Amino acid sequence: MKKRIWLALLVLVAIVILGSRESTFFQQRDSVEIVESRPVITPGKQPESPTVNPALQVSANKLLAHIQKLNFQRYTAKERSLTRIYITNELRKLGWKPKLERFPDGVNVFAERPGTDTTAKAILVAAHYDTVAASPGSDDNASGIAVLLELARIFHSLPTPQTLQLAFFDKEEAGLVGSKAFVQEEQRLQNLQGVIVMDMIGYACYTSGCQQYPQGLPVTPPSDKGDFLVAIGDTEHLSLLTAFQKSQPTNLPTVLSLPIPLKGILTPDTLRSDHAPFWYQGVGAVLVTDTANLRTPHYHQPSDTPDNIERSFFLGSAQIVVNATNTLLNQQIVQTPN
């Protein structure tokens, strides 16, 4: 009799426990249904704050000093010779060994710092140093020369796998003559992983409507103000453009990347600087620019002086070029078998 009573009690307790669990289970299901009936937003992975390597920080004083010291017309043979003397002296002070490469009616300046990986190729960064007549060319293109010299300062003692090459082109304003002469050496081109060409990176305007655009632009412009930097690359070498989007702190100017198909045949406005001869030779190249006459009223004018360089924009543009160059110099390139 007692066994039956205990058995009855055990069955009753089991029913209560199971009933309790079943009730909780349904409450949980109800809870899930309520949650699922609402839009659920899962935060994506937040980008890490970019770590600034002090060794890569550009010097405002040095950049602006170069602009001031190049504040003269660089059009005649004598003026261009004085410019080369300034460039080569600055490079030697920084430990580089510049070479003068002569071609009919002009002279390019070239310098190279080998990388640590003997199997890696080279990244070339370039800018033209001549001007049109009657213009001191602070933006066009002392801004590019200044950043090249700053790259020389930063990367001379900063080892990277890939080799860094610097080129200062003569006679750009006469029809890209210096860069056309540069690309004639086939062996040099075979060693190039990519090219960055700077041509006017120091002017910005901040009023609505001050920025103009060419016909048939393949992307939506970020603004009708001229407060962004443009990187123009060929679609066959998009990794070069990608380097300008990586590790971009928010305090730097926005970069508008323009991938150009068919070597710019349909967009001739994108062929107006020293990157174009590299495109024609099948070498990936990016033009970095403030868009020249599409933005600045000082284009090819006597008013293209240091006073009309927009300091904060210029320093930001310089840092963008340094960051992108560093990305490319440290990029791991997978060599595909032939």
C-alpha atoms as a PDB file:
ATOM      1  CA  MET A   1       0.000   0.000   0.000  1.00  0.00           C
ATOM      2  CA  LYS A   2       2.806   2.433   0.920  1.00  0.00           C
ATOM      3  CA  LYS A   3       4.615   1.565  -2.317  1.00  0.00           C
ATOM      4  CA  ARG A   4       1.520   2.559  -4.282  1.00  0.00           C
ATOM      5  CA  ILE A   5       1.270   5.830  -2.427  1.00  0.00           C
ATOM      6  CA  TRP A   6       4.956   6.645  -3.089  1.00  0.00           C
ATOM      7  CA  LEU A   7       4.581   5.671  -6.729  1.00  0.00           C
ATOM      8  CA  ALA A   8       1.562   7.926  -7.041  1.00  0.00           C
ATOM      9  CA  LEU A   9       3.465  10.792  -5.452  1.00  0.00           C
ATOM     10  CA  LEU A  10       6.464  10.284  -7.801  1.00  0.00           C
ATOM     11  CA  VAL A  11       4.161  10.283 -10.840  1.00  0.00           C
ATOM     12  CA  LEU A  12       2.494  13.481  -9.623  1.00  0.00           C
ATOM     13  CA  VAL A  13       5.854  15.214  -9.084  1.00  0.00           C
ATOM     14  CA  ALA A  14       7.017  14.116 -12.552  1.00  0.00           C
ATOM     15  CA  ILE A  15       3.858  15.533 -14.125  1.00  0.00           C
ATOM     16  CA  VAL A  16       4.360  18.871 -12.349  1.00  0.00           C
ATOM     17  CA  ILE A  17       8.026  19.093 -13.446  1.00  0.00           C
ATOM     18  CA  LEU A  18       7.278  18.172 -17.047  1.00  0.00           C
ATOM     19  CA  GLY A  19       4.366  20.569 -17.092  1.00  0.00           C
ATOM     20  CA  SER A  20       6.599  23.340 -15.827  1.00  0.00           C
ATOM     21  CA  ARG A  21       9.261  22.633 -18.472  1.00  0.00           C
ATOM     22  CA  GLU A  22       6.688  22.447 -21.260  1.00  0.00           C
ATOM     23  CA  SER A  23       5.241  25.796 -20.199  1.00  0.00           C
ATOM     24  CA  THR A  24       8.690  27.396 -20.180  1.00  0.00           C
ATOM     25  CA  PHE A  25       9.471  25.937 -23.596  1.00  0.00           C
ATOM     26  CA  PHE A  26       6.383  27.485 -25.140  1.00  0.00           C
ATOM     27  CA  GLN A  27       7.116  30.820 -23.506  1.00  0.00           C
ATOM     28  CA  GLN A  28      10.540  30.734 -25.078  1.00  0.00           C
ATOM     29  CA  ARG A  29       9.048  29.943 -28.466  1.00  0.00           C
ATOM     30  CA  ASP A  30       6.596  32.802 -28.044  1.00  0.00           C
ATOM     31  CA  SER A  31       9.497  35.052 -27.167  1.00  0.00           C
ATOM     32  CA  VAL A  32      11.388  33.986 -30.299  1.00  0.00           C
ATOM     33  CA  GLU A  33       8.368  34.603 -32.480  1.00  0.00           C
ATOM     34  CA  ILE A  34       8.017  38.120 -31.107  1.00  0.00           C
ATOM     35  CA  VAL A  35      11.671  38.897 -31.782  1.00  0.00           C
ATOM     36  CA  GLU A  36      11.543  37.431 -35.281  1.00  0.00           C
ATOM     37  CA  SER A  37       8.482  39.528 -36.147  1.00  0.00           C
ATOM     38  CA  ARG A  38      10.537  42.729 -35.764  1.00  0.00           C
ATOM     39  CA  PRO A  39      13.355  43.890 -38.040  1.00  0.00           C
ATOM     40  CA  VAL A  40      16.607  42.771 -36.485  1.00  0.00           C
ATOM     41  CA  ILE A  41      19.695  44.854 -37.297  1.00  0.00           C
ATOM     42  CA  THR A  42      22.982  43.130 -36.635  1.00  0.00           C
ATOM     43  CA  PRO A  43      25.853  45.596 -36.424  1.00  0.00           C
ATOM     44  CA  GLY A  44      28.581  44.837 -38.911  1.00  0.00           C
ATOM     45  CA  LYS A  45      32.200  44.505 -37.955  1.00  0.00           C
ATOM     46  CA  GLN A  46      33.397  47.964 -37.071  1.00  0.00           C
ATOM     47  CA  PRO A  47      36.572  49.089 -38.841  1.00  0.00           C
ATOM     48  CA  GLU A  48      39.526  49.421 -36.587  1.00  0.00           C
ATOM     49  CA  SER A  49      40.848  52.902 -35.997  1.00  0.00           C
ATOM     50  CA  PRO A  50      43.795  53.425 -38.319  1.00  0.00           C
ATOM     51  CA  THR A  51      47.080  53.276 -36.504  1.00  0.00           C
ATOM     52  CA  VAL A  52      49.272  56.146 -37.558  1.00  0.00           C
ATOM     53  CA  ASN A  53      52.882  55.193 -38.040  1.00  0.00           C
ATOM     54  CA  PRO A  54      54.891  58.267 -36.976  1.00  0.00           C
ATOM     55  CA  ALA A  55      57.516  57.333 -39.559  1.00  0.00           C
ATOM     56  CA  LEU A  56      54.949  57.965 -42.314  1.00  0.00           C
ATOM     57  CA  GLN A  57      53.829  61.386 -41.071  1.00  0.00           C
ATOM     58  CA  VAL A  58      54.422  64.168 -43.593  1.00  0.00           C
ATOM     59  CA  SER A  59      56.104  67.378 -42.476  1.00  0.00           C
ATOM     60  CA  ALA A  60      54.061  70.510 -43.145  1.00  0.00           C
ATOM     61  CA  ASN A  61      57.130  72.713 -42.754  1.00  0.00           C
ATOM     62  CA  LYS A  62      59.190  70.747 -45.269  1.00  0.00           C
ATOM     63  CA  LEU A  63      56.400  70.507 -47.835  1.00  0.00           C
ATOM     64  CA  LEU A  64      55.606  74.217 -47.701  1.00  0.00           C
ATOM     65  CA  ALA A  65      59.299  75.137 -47.745  1.00  0.00           C
ATOM     66  CA  HIS A  66      59.715  73.275 -51.050  1.00  0.00           C
ATOM     67  CA  ILE A  67      56.744  75.180 -52.493  1.00  0.00           C
ATOM     68  CA  GLN A  68      58.318  78.499 -51.486  1.00  0.00           C
ATOM     69  CA  LYS A  69      61.768  77.637 -52.847  1.00  0.00           C
ATOM     70  CA  LEU A  70      60.247  76.599 -56.187  1.00  0.00           C
ATOM     71  CA  ASN A  71      58.293  79.846 -56.501  1.00  0.00           C
ATOM     72  CA  PHE A  72      59.632  80.800 -59.922  1.00  0.00           C
ATOM     73  CA  GLN A  73      58.845  80.131 -63.565  1.00  0.00           C
ATOM     74  CA  ARG A  74      60.399  76.818 -64.700  1.00  0.00           C
ATOM     75  CA  TYR A  75      59.982  77.211 -68.450  1.00  0.00           C
ATOM     76  CA  THR A  76      63.298  78.160 -70.057  1.00  0.00           C
ATOM     77  CA  ALA A  77      66.302  75.833 -70.249  1.00  0.00           C
ATOM     78  CA  LYS A  78      68.106  77.836 -67.555  1.00  0.00           C
ATOM     79  CA  GLU A  79      65.092  77.844 -65.204  1.00  0.00           C
ATOM     80  CA  ARG A  80      64.609  74.103 -65.606  1.00  0.00           C
ATOM     81  CA  SER A  81      68.313  73.566 -64.961  1.00  0.00           C
ATOM     82  CA  LEU A  82      68.036  75.531 -61.704  1.00  0.00           C
ATOM     83  CA  THR A  83      65.076  73.357 -60.761  1.00  0.00           C
ATOM     84  CA  ARG A  84      67.068  70.170 -61.388  1.00  0.00           C
ATOM     85  CA  ILE A  85      69.899  71.518 -59.241  1.00  0.00           C
ATOM     86  CA  TYR A  86      67.435  72.092 -56.391  1.00  0.00           C
ATOM     87  CA  ILE A  87      65.902  68.614 -56.784  1.00  0.00           C
ATOM     88  CA  THR A  88      69.214  66.748 -56.987  1.00  0.00           C
ATOM     89  CA  ASN A  89      70.708  68.665 -54.054  1.00  0.00           C
ATOM     90  CA  GLU A  90      67.681  67.865 -51.897  1.00  0.00           C
ATOM     91  CA  LEU A  91      67.814  64.187 -52.870  1.00  0.00           C
ATOM     92  CA  ARG A  92      71.524  63.967 -52.049  1.00  0.00           C
ATOM     93  CA  LYS A  93      70.940  65.567 -48.650  1.00  0.00           C
ATOM     94  CA  LEU A  94      68.454  62.764 -47.977  1.00  0.00           C
ATOM     95  CA  GLY A  95      70.912  60.041 -48.967  1.00  0.00           C
ATOM     96  CA  TRP A  96      69.678  59.316 -52.488  1.00  0.00           C
ATOM     97  CA  LYS A  97      71.833  59.111 -55.623  1.00  0.00           C
ATOM     98  CA  PRO A  98      69.914  60.940 -58.355  1.00  0.00           C
ATOM     99  CA  LYS A  99      70.687  60.402 -62.020  1.00  0.00           C
ATOM    100  CA  LEU A 100      70.131  62.832 -64.886  1.00  0.00           C
ATOM    101  CA  GLU A 101      68.547  61.115 -67.877  1.00  0.00           C
ATOM    102  CA  ARG A 102      68.840  63.248 -70.992  1.00  0.00           C
ATOM    103  CA  PHE A 103      66.564  63.153 -74.010  1.00  0.00           C
ATOM    104  CA  PRO A 104      66.178  65.627 -76.926  1.00  0.00           C
ATOM    105  CA  ASP A 105      65.442  69.078 -75.447  1.00  0.00           C
ATOM    106  CA  GLY A 106      65.111  67.920 -71.860  1.00  0.00           C
ATOM    107  CA  VAL A 107      66.371  66.048 -68.800  1.00  0.00           C
ATOM    108  CA  ASN A 108      64.523  63.745 -66.393  1.00  0.00           C
ATOM    109  CA  VAL A 109      65.755  63.178 -62.840  1.00  0.00           C
ATOM    110  CA  PHE A 110      65.598  59.590 -61.567  1.00  0.00           C
ATOM    111  CA  ALA A 111      66.424  58.002 -58.206  1.00  0.00           C
ATOM    112  CA  GLU A 112      65.937  54.528 -56.745  1.00  0.00           C
ATOM    113  CA  ARG A 113      65.955  52.876 -53.324  1.00  0.00           C
ATOM    114  CA  PRO A 114      66.101  49.062 -53.531  1.00  0.00           C
ATOM    115  CA  GLY A 115      63.576  46.958 -51.641  1.00  0.00           C
ATOM    116  CA  THR A 116      64.372  44.163 -49.214  1.00  0.00           C
ATOM    117  CA  ASP A 117      62.828  41.479 -51.451  1.00  0.00           C
ATOM    118  CA  THR A 118      65.120  40.832 -54.402  1.00  0.00           C
ATOM    119  CA  THR A 119      62.300  39.044 -56.250  1.00  0.00           C
ATOM    120  CA  ALA A 120      59.855  41.953 -55.911  1.00  0.00           C
ATOM    121  CA  LYS A 121      59.294  44.661 -58.481  1.00  0.00           C
ATOM    122  CA  ALA A 122      59.265  48.454 -58.166  1.00  0.00           C
ATOM    123  CA  ILE A 123      56.737  51.177 -57.473  1.00  0.00           C
ATOM    124  CA  LEU A 124      57.450  54.395 -59.352  1.00  0.00           C
ATOM    125  CA  VAL A 125      56.157  57.742 -58.053  1.00  0.00           C
ATOM    126  CA  ALA A 126      56.547  60.690 -60.413  1.00  0.00           C
ATOM    127  CA  ALA A 127      55.751  64.361 -61.061  1.00  0.00           C
ATOM    128  CA  HIS A 128      56.749  66.891 -63.718  1.00  0.00           C
ATOM    129  CA  TYR A 129      58.898  69.872 -62.737  1.00  0.00           C
ATOM    130  CA  ASP A 130      58.474  72.250 -65.702  1.00  0.00           C
ATOM    131  CA  THR A 131      55.877  75.029 -66.011  1.00  0.00           C
ATOM    132  CA  VAL A 132      54.260  76.995 -68.781  1.00  0.00           C
ATOM    133  CA  ALA A 133      55.609  80.468 -69.519  1.00  0.00           C
ATOM    134  CA  ALA A 134      54.701  83.259 -67.095  1.00  0.00           C
ATOM    135  CA  SER A 135      53.527  80.916 -64.327  1.00  0.00           C
ATOM    136  CA  PRO A 136      55.463  79.986 -61.168  1.00  0.00           C
ATOM    137  CA  GLY A 137      53.382  76.777 -61.029  1.00  0.00           C
ATOM    138  CA  SER A 138      53.024  76.359 -57.281  1.00  0.00           C
ATOM    139  CA  ASP A 139      50.169  73.918 -57.774  1.00  0.00           C
ATOM    140  CA  ASP A 140      51.255  72.950 -61.302  1.00  0.00           C
ATOM    141  CA  ASN A 141      53.460  71.254 -60.315  1.00  0.00           C
ATOM    142  CA  ALA A 142      55.603  72.333 -57.358  1.00  0.00           C
ATOM    143  CA  SER A 143      52.986  70.557 -55.250  1.00  0.00           C
ATOM    144  CA  GLY A 144      53.937  67.237 -56.878  1.00  0.00           C
ATOM    145  CA  ILE A 145      57.682  67.924 -56.621  1.00  0.00           C
ATOM    146  CA  ALA A 146      57.338  68.759 -52.918  1.00  0.00           C
ATOM    147  CA  VAL A 147      55.550  65.475 -52.182  1.00  0.00           C
ATOM    148  CA  LEU A 148      58.149  63.493 -54.156  1.00  0.00           C
ATOM    149  CA  LEU A 149      60.895  65.031 -52.030  1.00  0.00           C
ATOM    150  CA  GLU A 150      58.890  64.251 -48.906  1.00  0.00           C
ATOM    151  CA  LEU A 151      58.562  60.630 -50.063  1.00  0.00           C
ATOM    152  CA  ALA A 152      62.335  60.602 -50.491  1.00  0.00           C
ATOM    153  CA  ARG A 153      62.747  61.772 -46.886  1.00  0.00           C
ATOM    154  CA  ILE A 154      60.264  59.312 -45.410  1.00  0.00           C
ATOM    155  CA  PHE A 155      61.192  56.145 -47.305  1.00  0.00           C
ATOM    156  CA  HIS A 156      64.965  56.432 -47.587  1.00  0.00           C
ATOM    157  CA  SER A 157      65.483  54.768 -44.202  1.00  0.00           C
ATOM    158  CA  LEU A 158      62.152  52.888 -44.093  1.00  0.00           C
ATOM    159  CA  PRO A 159      62.681  49.392 -45.545  1.00  0.00           C
ATOM    160  CA  THR A 160      59.924  47.892 -47.701  1.00  0.00           C
ATOM    161  CA  PRO A 161      59.789  44.677 -49.755  1.00  0.00           C
ATOM    162  CA  GLN A 162      59.365  46.462 -53.069  1.00  0.00           C
ATOM    163  CA  THR A 163      61.761  48.970 -54.586  1.00  0.00           C
ATOM    164  CA  LEU A 164      60.807  52.656 -54.594  1.00  0.00           C
ATOM    165  CA  GLN A 165      61.635  54.717 -57.672  1.00  0.00           C
ATOM    166  CA  LEU A 166      61.232  58.475 -58.004  1.00  0.00           C
ATOM    167  CA  ALA A 167      61.044  60.327 -61.320  1.00  0.00           C
ATOM    168  CA  PHE A 168      60.912  64.076 -61.939  1.00  0.00           C
ATOM    169  CA  PHE A 169      59.757  64.541 -65.541  1.00  0.00           C
ATOM    170  CA  ASP A 170      60.802  67.428 -67.750  1.00  0.00           C
ATOM    171  CA  LYS A 171      58.724  68.925 -70.594  1.00  0.00           C
ATOM    172  CA  GLU A 172      55.315  67.679 -69.484  1.00  0.00           C
ATOM    173  CA  GLU A 173      53.790  70.992 -70.526  1.00  0.00           C
ATOM    174  CA  ALA A 174      55.268  70.551 -74.026  1.00  0.00           C
ATOM    175  CA  GLY A 175      53.273  67.347 -74.620  1.00  0.00           C
ATOM    176  CA  LEU A 176      54.357  64.756 -72.029  1.00  0.00           C
ATOM    177  CA  VAL A 177      57.775  64.679 -73.678  1.00  0.00           C
ATOM    178  CA  GLY A 178      59.745  63.621 -70.582  1.00  0.00           C
ATOM    179  CA  SER A 179      57.491  60.725 -69.621  1.00  0.00           C
ATOM    180  CA  LYS A 180      57.307  59.541 -73.246  1.00  0.00           C
ATOM    181  CA  ALA A 181      61.109  59.397 -73.282  1.00  0.00           C
ATOM    182  CA  PHE A 182      61.118  57.572 -69.913  1.00  0.00           C
ATOM    183  CA  VAL A 183      58.898  54.698 -71.110  1.00  0.00           C
ATOM    184  CA  GLN A 184      61.115  53.933 -74.108  1.00  0.00           C
ATOM    185  CA  GLU A 185      63.334  51.713 -71.956  1.00  0.00           C
ATOM    186  CA  GLU A 186      61.587  48.343 -72.121  1.00  0.00           C
ATOM    187  CA  GLN A 187      63.604  46.628 -69.402  1.00  0.00           C
ATOM    188  CA  ARG A 188      62.681  49.393 -66.951  1.00  0.00           C
ATOM    189  CA  LEU A 189      58.980  48.891 -67.647  1.00  0.00           C
ATOM    190  CA  GLN A 190      59.208  45.136 -67.074  1.00  0.00           C
ATOM    191  CA  ASN A 191      60.356  45.794 -63.518  1.00  0.00           C
ATOM    192  CA  LEU A 192      57.458  48.110 -62.679  1.00  0.00           C
ATOM    193  CA  GLN A 193      54.607  46.893 -60.479  1.00  0.00           C
ATOM    194  CA  GLY A 194      52.790  50.213 -60.789  1.00  0.00           C
ATOM    195  CA  VAL A 195      53.104  53.977 -61.119  1.00  0.00           C
ATOM    196  CA  ILE A 196      51.713  56.971 -59.223  1.00  0.00           C
ATOM    197  CA  VAL A 197      51.840  60.315 -61.036  1.00  0.00           C
ATOM    198  CA  MET A 198      51.067  63.550 -59.179  1.00  0.00           C
ATOM    199  CA  ASP A 199      49.985  66.586 -61.166  1.00  0.00           C
ATOM    200  CA  MET A 200      48.458  69.448 -59.163  1.00  0.00           C
ATOM    201  CA  ILE A 201      47.408  68.288 -55.691  1.00  0.00           C
ATOM    202  CA  GLY A 202      47.378  71.556 -53.740  1.00  0.00           C
ATOM    203  CA  TYR A 203      44.209  73.501 -54.547  1.00  0.00           C
ATOM    204  CA  ALA A 204      40.723  73.193 -53.076  1.00  0.00           C
ATOM    205  CA  CYS A 205      37.582  75.340 -53.222  1.00  0.00           C
ATOM    206  CA  TYR A 206      34.709  75.192 -50.762  1.00  0.00           C
ATOM    207  CA  THR A 207      31.828  77.080 -52.398  1.00  0.00           C
ATOM    208  CA  SER A 208      28.956  75.327 -54.125  1.00  0.00           C
ATOM    209  CA  GLY A 209      29.457  75.112 -57.892  1.00  0.00           C
ATOM    210  CA  CYS A 210      33.217  75.762 -57.887  1.00  0.00           C
ATOM    211  CA  GLN A 211      33.954  72.235 -59.152  1.00  0.00           C
ATOM    212  CA  GLN A 212      33.287  71.361 -62.789  1.00  0.00           C
ATOM    213  CA  TYR A 213      33.174  67.894 -64.376  1.00  0.00           C
ATOM    214  CA  PRO A 214      33.920  66.525 -67.842  1.00  0.00           C
ATOM    215  CA  GLN A 215      31.255  64.824 -69.923  1.00  0.00           C
ATOM    216  CA  GLY A 216      30.628  61.120 -69.415  1.00  0.00           C
ATOM    217  CA  LEU A 217      32.027  60.766 -65.908  1.00  0.00           C
ATOM    218  CA  PRO A 218      31.732  57.053 -64.990  1.00  0.00           C
ATOM    219  CA  VAL A 219      30.949  57.683 -61.306  1.00  0.00           C
ATOM    220  CA  THR A 220      28.790  60.008 -59.260  1.00  0.00           C
ATOM    221  CA  PRO A 221      30.766  63.042 -58.050  1.00  0.00           C
ATOM    222  CA  PRO A 222      30.939  63.379 -54.257  1.00  0.00           C
ATOM    223  CA  SER A 223      30.242  67.117 -54.285  1.00  0.00           C
ATOM    224  CA  ASP A 224      29.880  70.250 -56.367  1.00  0.00           C
ATOM    225  CA  LYS A 225      32.618  71.686 -54.153  1.00  0.00           C
ATOM    226  CA  GLY A 226      36.264  71.119 -54.965  1.00  0.00           C
ATOM    227  CA  ASP A 227      37.255  69.624 -51.636  1.00  0.00           C
ATOM    228  CA  PHE A 228      38.295  66.110 -52.737  1.00  0.00           C
ATOM    229  CA  LEU A 229      41.293  64.467 -54.376  1.00  0.00           C
ATOM    230  CA  VAL A 230      40.926  62.434 -57.574  1.00  0.00           C
ATOM    231  CA  ALA A 231      42.759  59.193 -58.368  1.00  0.00           C
ATOM    232  CA  ILE A 232      42.419  58.171 -62.023  1.00  0.00           C
ATOM    233  CA  GLY A 233      43.476  54.659 -62.975  1.00  0.00           C
ATOM    234  CA  ASP A 234      43.003  52.196 -65.822  1.00  0.00           C
ATOM    235  CA  THR A 235      40.525  49.370 -65.267  1.00  0.00           C
ATOM    236  CA  GLU A 236      43.180  46.735 -66.007  1.00  0.00           C
ATOM    237  CA  HIS A 237      45.081  47.623 -62.814  1.00  0.00           C
ATOM    238  CA  LEU A 238      42.424  48.331 -60.187  1.00  0.00           C
ATOM    239  CA  SER A 239      44.682  47.252 -57.302  1.00  0.00           C
ATOM    240  CA  LEU A 240      46.529  50.557 -57.693  1.00  0.00           C
ATOM    241  CA  LEU A 241      43.308  52.501 -57.171  1.00  0.00           C
ATOM    242  CA  THR A 242      42.412  50.277 -54.229  1.00  0.00           C
ATOM    243  CA  ALA A 243      45.589  51.396 -52.463  1.00  0.00           C
ATOM    244  CA  PHE A 244      44.146  54.909 -52.248  1.00  0.00           C
ATOM    245  CA  GLN A 245      41.062  53.636 -50.404  1.00  0.00           C
ATOM    246  CA  LYS A 246      42.932  51.630 -47.772  1.00  0.00           C
ATOM    247  CA  SER A 247      43.774  53.047 -44.351  1.00  0.00           C
ATOM    248  CA  GLN A 248      42.233  56.439 -45.053  1.00  0.00           C
ATOM    249  CA  PRO A 249      41.734  58.348 -41.805  1.00  0.00           C
ATOM    250  CA  THR A 250      38.594  60.452 -41.799  1.00  0.00           C
ATOM    251  CA  ASN A 251      40.521  63.671 -41.270  1.00  0.00           C
ATOM    252  CA  LEU A 252      42.019  63.491 -44.780  1.00  0.00           C
ATOM    253  CA  PRO A 253      40.341  64.695 -47.989  1.00  0.00           C
ATOM    254  CA  THR A 254      37.920  62.330 -49.682  1.00  0.00           C
ATOM    255  CA  VAL A 255      39.423  60.407 -52.605  1.00  0.00           C
ATOM    256  CA  LEU A 256      37.288  60.036 -55.731  1.00  0.00           C
ATOM    257  CA  SER A 257      38.518  56.954 -57.584  1.00  0.00           C
ATOM    258  CA  LEU A 258      37.934  56.921 -61.342  1.00  0.00           C
ATOM    259  CA  PRO A 259      38.509  53.582 -63.098  1.00  0.00           C
ATOM    260  CA  ILE A 260      38.932  54.414 -66.790  1.00  0.00           C
ATOM    261  CA  PRO A 261      38.297  51.761 -69.484  1.00  0.00           C
ATOM    262  CA  LEU A 262      39.935  51.464 -72.915  1.00  0.00           C
ATOM    263  CA  LYS A 263      43.024  53.473 -71.927  1.00  0.00           C
ATOM    264  CA  GLY A 264      40.997  56.672 -71.878  1.00  0.00           C
ATOM    265  CA  ILE A 265      40.051  56.663 -75.559  1.00  0.00           C
ATOM    266  CA  LEU A 266      36.477  57.625 -74.704  1.00  0.00           C
ATOM    267  CA  THR A 267      37.520  60.129 -72.026  1.00  0.00           C
ATOM    268  CA  PRO A 268      40.412  62.178 -73.468  1.00  0.00           C
ATOM    269  CA  ASP A 269      40.334  64.566 -70.510  1.00  0.00           C
ATOM    270  CA  THR A 270      41.871  61.736 -68.463  1.00  0.00           C
ATOM    271  CA  LEU A 271      44.969  61.554 -70.701  1.00  0.00           C
ATOM    272  CA  ARG A 272      46.426  64.976 -70.017  1.00  0.00           C
ATOM    273  CA  SER A 273      49.353  64.040 -67.795  1.00  0.00           C
ATOM    274  CA  ASP A 274      52.400  61.792 -67.454  1.00  0.00           C
ATOM    275  CA  HIS A 275      50.469  58.629 -66.554  1.00  0.00           C
ATOM    276  CA  ALA A 276      49.177  58.292 -70.127  1.00  0.00           C
ATOM    277  CA  PRO A 277      52.446  57.030 -71.712  1.00  0.00           C
ATOM    278  CA  PHE A 278      52.503  54.221 -69.117  1.00  0.00           C
ATOM    279  CA  TRP A 279      48.928  53.239 -69.994  1.00  0.00           C
ATOM    280  CA  TYR A 280      49.906  52.971 -73.651  1.00  0.00           C
ATOM    281  CA  GLN A 281      52.762  50.644 -72.691  1.00  0.00           C
ATOM    282  CA  GLY A 282      50.460  48.395 -70.647  1.00  0.00           C
ATOM    283  CA  VAL A 283      51.835  49.518 -67.280  1.00  0.00           C
ATOM    284  CA  GLY A 284      49.347  50.293 -64.515  1.00  0.00           C
ATOM    285  CA  ALA A 285      49.415  53.957 -63.495  1.00  0.00           C
ATOM    286  CA  VAL A 286      47.305  56.288 -61.354  1.00  0.00           C
ATOM    287  CA  LEU A 287      47.068  60.048 -61.830  1.00  0.00           C
ATOM    288  CA  VAL A 288      46.499  61.910 -58.560  1.00  0.00           C
ATOM    289  CA  THR A 289      45.145  65.421 -59.079  1.00  0.00           C
ATOM    290  CA  ASP A 290      42.969  68.241 -57.777  1.00  0.00           C
ATOM    291  CA  THR A 291      41.379  68.315 -61.300  1.00  0.00           C
ATOM    292  CA  ALA A 292      43.379  71.333 -62.563  1.00  0.00           C
ATOM    293  CA  ASN A 293      41.316  73.787 -64.645  1.00  0.00           C
ATOM    294  CA  LEU A 294      38.086  72.009 -63.685  1.00  0.00           C
ATOM    295  CA  ARG A 295      38.568  73.582 -60.264  1.00  0.00           C
ATOM    296  CA  THR A 296      41.275  76.208 -59.966  1.00  0.00           C
ATOM    297  CA  PRO A 297      41.117  79.648 -61.650  1.00  0.00           C
ATOM    298  CA  HIS A 298      44.928  79.831 -61.341  1.00  0.00           C
ATOM    299  CA  TYR A 299      45.628  77.064 -63.859  1.00  0.00           C
ATOM    300  CA  HIS A 300      48.575  78.151 -66.097  1.00  0.00           C
ATOM    301  CA  GLN A 301      48.310  81.680 -64.719  1.00  0.00           C
ATOM    302  CA  PRO A 302      50.777  84.037 -62.997  1.00  0.00           C
ATOM    303  CA  SER A 303      48.529  83.709 -59.945  1.00  0.00           C
ATOM    304  CA  ASP A 304      49.526  80.056 -59.383  1.00  0.00           C
ATOM    305  CA  THR A 305      51.609  81.105 -56.381  1.00  0.00           C
ATOM    306  CA  PRO A 306      52.250  79.700 -52.872  1.00  0.00           C
ATOM    307  CA  ASP A 307      49.568  82.027 -51.478  1.00  0.00           C
ATOM    308  CA  ASN A 308      46.926  80.127 -53.468  1.00  0.00           C
ATOM    309  CA  ILE A 309      47.898  76.693 -52.229  1.00  0.00           C
ATOM    310  CA  GLU A 310      45.170  75.523 -49.826  1.00  0.00           C
ATOM    311  CA  ARG A 311      47.379  74.399 -46.975  1.00  0.00           C
ATOM    312  CA  SER A 312      45.169  71.856 -45.185  1.00  0.00           C
ATOM    313  CA  PHE A 313      44.061  70.215 -48.433  1.00  0.00           C
ATOM    314  CA  PHE A 314      47.636  70.040 -49.735  1.00  0.00           C
ATOM    315  CA  LEU A 315      48.965  68.454 -46.543  1.00  0.00           C
ATOM    316  CA  GLY A 316      46.089  65.957 -46.565  1.00  0.00           C
ATOM    317  CA  SER A 317      46.739  65.115 -50.222  1.00  0.00           C
ATOM    318  CA  ALA A 318      50.419  64.571 -49.476  1.00  0.00           C
ATOM    319  CA  GLN A 319      49.563  62.195 -46.623  1.00  0.00           C
ATOM    320  CA  ILE A 320      47.189  60.246 -48.883  1.00  0.00           C
ATOM    321  CA  VAL A 321      49.947  59.741 -51.452  1.00  0.00           C
ATOM    322  CA  VAL A 322      52.404  58.650 -48.739  1.00  0.00           C
ATOM    323  CA  ASN A 323      49.865  56.184 -47.309  1.00  0.00           C
ATOM    324  CA  ALA A 324      49.036  54.716 -50.728  1.00  0.00           C
ATOM    325  CA  THR A 325      52.722  54.447 -51.639  1.00  0.00           C
ATOM    326  CA  ASN A 326      53.411  52.631 -48.382  1.00  0.00           C
ATOM    327  CA  THR A 327      50.535  50.222 -49.057  1.00  0.00           C
ATOM    328  CA  LEU A 328      51.889  49.401 -52.515  1.00  0.00           C
ATOM    329  CA  LEU A 329      55.500  49.070 -51.355  1.00  0.00           C
ATOM    330  CA  ASN A 330      54.459  46.548 -48.700  1.00  0.00           C
ATOM    331  CA  GLN A 331      51.940  44.662 -50.825  1.00  0.00           C
ATOM    332  CA  GLN A 332      52.470  40.947 -51.153  1.00  0.00           C
ATOM    333  CA  ILE A 333      52.431  40.198 -54.876  1.00  0.00           C
ATOM    334  CA  VAL A 334      51.603  36.653 -55.909  1.00  0.00           C
ATOM    335  CA  GLN A 335      53.563  35.822 -59.030  1.00  0.00           C
ATOM    336  CA  THR A 336      51.418  33.773 -61.423  1.00  0.00           C
ATOM    337  CA  PRO A 337      53.204  31.173 -63.550  1.00  0.00           C
ATOM    338  CA  ASN A 338      53.455  31.855 -67.292  1.00  0.00           C
END
